Amino acid sequence: MEKETQMNEEPEIEEVRSFLCGYRMCADMLRLRRYERKRGGYEEEFPCEDILAGNEAYWRARMSEVSALIASMRNGREKLILYYHYVRGESIEHASDLLGISRRTGYRVHKRALLQISFLFARWKKRNILDFSSE
């Protein structure tokens, strides 16, 4: 029975993990766009523009949504481990060191945090707070 509930939770956890990872991707895209402007001013359209989700406003909005979702969690280790890992881009090991917990405990806290935030994510999706959650 426990395996059935874990199997049912996995798609939701993977969906929220993918959503949270979008923060780093958007930050990297913004950094790349700044680099392109500084180096050569590449303002023409690229063939992969639609794949990369378009413009800077979209990336900033997506980053804002991820930050707001994490900020909506209760204060604690779970919130901090998600912040350090997904927003700041730290590894779970380094985030664990920053929080003063062991690496193993860091992974357990991360797993628990993903489970908690997946419930928040589902609630936000249901109320259509997240505009970009379906993409």
Protein backbone atom coordinates (compact mmCIF):
# COMPACT_ATOMS: atom_id res chain seq x y z
CA MET A 1 0.00 0.00 0.00
CA GLU A 2 2.85 2.37 0.81
CA LYS A 3 4.39 1.77 -2.62
CA GLU A 4 1.07 2.63 -4.29
CA THR A 5 0.93 6.01 -2.55
CA GLN A 6 4.57 6.67 -3.43
CA MET A 7 3.89 5.83 -7.07
CA ASN A 8 0.87 8.17 -7.08
CA GLU A 9 2.92 10.98 -5.55
CA GLU A 10 5.87 10.68 -7.94
CA PRO A 11 4.30 12.50 -10.94
CA GLU A 12 3.28 15.43 -8.75
CA ILE A 13 6.72 15.63 -7.16
CA GLU A 14 8.43 15.46 -10.55
CA GLU A 15 6.13 18.18 -11.87
CA VAL A 16 6.92 20.52 -8.99
CA ARG A 17 10.64 19.69 -9.21
CA SER A 18 10.56 20.62 -12.89
CA PHE A 19 8.71 23.84 -12.06
CA LEU A 20 11.28 24.75 -9.38
CA CYS A 21 14.19 23.96 -11.71
CA GLY A 22 12.71 26.51 -14.09
CA TYR A 23 14.07 29.25 -11.85
CA ARG A 24 17.69 28.38 -12.62
CA MET A 25 16.93 27.91 -16.31
CA CYS A 26 15.30 31.34 -16.51
CA ALA A 27 18.17 32.95 -14.59
CA ASP A 28 20.64 31.32 -16.98
CA MET A 29 18.67 32.53 -19.99
CA LEU A 30 18.66 36.09 -18.65
CA ARG A 31 22.41 35.89 -18.03
CA LEU A 32 22.93 34.56 -21.56
CA ARG A 33 20.83 37.35 -23.05
CA ARG A 34 22.90 39.96 -21.16
CA TYR A 35 26.09 38.32 -22.41
CA GLU A 36 24.83 38.34 -25.98
CA ARG A 37 24.00 42.04 -25.77
CA LYS A 38 27.39 42.88 -24.31
CA ARG A 39 29.38 40.79 -26.78
CA GLY A 40 27.70 41.44 -30.05
CA GLY A 41 24.17 42.68 -29.80
CA TYR A 42 22.37 39.63 -31.11
CA GLU A 43 18.85 40.95 -31.31
CA GLU A 44 17.64 38.94 -34.30
CA GLU A 45 15.23 36.05 -33.80
CA PHE A 46 16.70 32.60 -33.31
CA PRO A 47 15.06 29.45 -34.73
CA CYS A 48 14.87 27.94 -31.22
CA GLU A 49 13.27 31.05 -29.67
CA ASP A 50 9.90 29.34 -29.21
CA ILE A 51 11.54 26.36 -27.50
CA LEU A 52 13.33 28.62 -25.04
CA ALA A 53 10.02 30.23 -24.06
CA GLY A 54 10.54 33.61 -25.53
CA ASN A 55 11.34 36.80 -23.79
CA GLU A 56 12.80 38.27 -20.67
CA ALA A 57 9.42 39.25 -19.23
CA TYR A 58 8.35 35.60 -19.30
CA TRP A 59 11.56 34.48 -17.60
CA ARG A 60 11.26 37.11 -14.88
CA ALA A 61 7.61 36.22 -14.27
CA ARG A 62 8.48 32.54 -14.05
CA MET A 63 11.26 33.27 -11.56
CA SER A 64 8.86 35.38 -9.54
CA GLU A 65 6.33 32.54 -9.42
CA VAL A 66 8.92 30.06 -8.19
CA SER A 67 10.07 32.50 -5.51
CA ALA A 68 6.48 33.15 -4.43
CA LEU A 69 5.73 29.43 -4.21
CA ILE A 70 8.76 28.80 -2.01
CA ALA A 71 7.99 31.89 0.07
CA SER A 72 4.47 30.61 0.72
CA MET A 73 5.86 27.65 2.67
CA ARG A 74 6.08 27.75 6.43
CA ASN A 75 9.43 28.82 7.78
CA GLY A 76 11.83 26.00 8.47
CA ARG A 77 14.52 23.80 7.04
CA GLU A 78 12.33 22.67 4.17
CA LYS A 79 11.80 26.20 2.94
CA LEU A 80 15.49 27.05 3.28
CA ILE A 81 16.74 23.93 1.53
CA LEU A 82 14.45 24.66 -1.44
CA TYR A 83 15.56 28.28 -1.49
CA TYR A 84 19.26 27.44 -1.43
CA HIS A 85 18.97 24.61 -3.93
CA TYR A 86 16.57 26.01 -6.53
CA VAL A 87 16.88 29.79 -6.21
CA ARG A 88 20.50 30.20 -5.19
CA GLY A 89 21.67 27.19 -7.22
CA GLU A 90 23.56 25.49 -4.40
CA SER A 91 23.92 21.73 -4.27
CA ILE A 92 21.95 19.94 -1.60
CA GLU A 93 25.22 19.06 0.13
CA HIS A 94 26.30 22.70 0.31
CA ALA A 95 22.81 23.82 1.36
CA SER A 96 22.96 21.22 4.14
CA ASP A 97 26.31 22.62 5.29
CA LEU A 98 24.84 26.13 5.30
CA LEU A 99 21.95 24.92 7.45
CA GLY A 100 24.26 23.00 9.78
CA ILE A 101 22.81 19.57 9.07
CA SER A 102 24.37 16.42 7.69
CA ARG A 103 24.28 15.62 4.00
CA ARG A 104 21.98 12.67 4.57
CA THR A 105 19.59 14.77 6.62
CA GLY A 106 19.73 17.39 3.87
CA TYR A 107 18.49 14.88 1.32
CA ARG A 108 15.71 13.76 3.67
CA VAL A 109 14.68 17.37 4.29
CA HIS A 110 14.75 18.02 0.53
CA LYS A 111 12.50 15.04 -0.15
CA ARG A 112 10.09 16.15 2.58
CA ALA A 113 10.16 19.71 1.24
CA LEU A 114 9.28 18.54 -2.27
CA LEU A 115 6.34 16.62 -0.87
CA GLN A 116 5.13 19.66 1.07
CA ILE A 117 5.53 22.06 -1.81
CA SER A 118 3.82 19.65 -4.21
CA PHE A 119 0.64 20.06 -2.15
CA LEU A 120 0.98 23.85 -2.32
CA PHE A 121 1.70 23.64 -6.03
CA ALA A 122 -1.42 21.54 -6.64
CA ARG A 123 -3.52 24.00 -4.65
CA TRP A 124 -2.08 26.96 -6.58
CA LYS A 125 -2.71 25.19 -9.88
CA LYS A 126 -6.27 24.40 -8.90
CA ARG A 127 -6.94 28.06 -8.08
CA ASN A 128 -5.14 29.11 -11.31
CA ILE A 129 -2.66 31.26 -9.46
CA LEU A 130 0.21 29.95 -11.55
CA ASP A 131 -0.10 31.20 -15.11
CA PHE A 132 2.80 29.20 -16.50
CA SER A 133 2.28 25.88 -14.71
CA SER A 134 0.78 24.17 -17.75
CA GLU A 135 3.78 24.90 -19.98
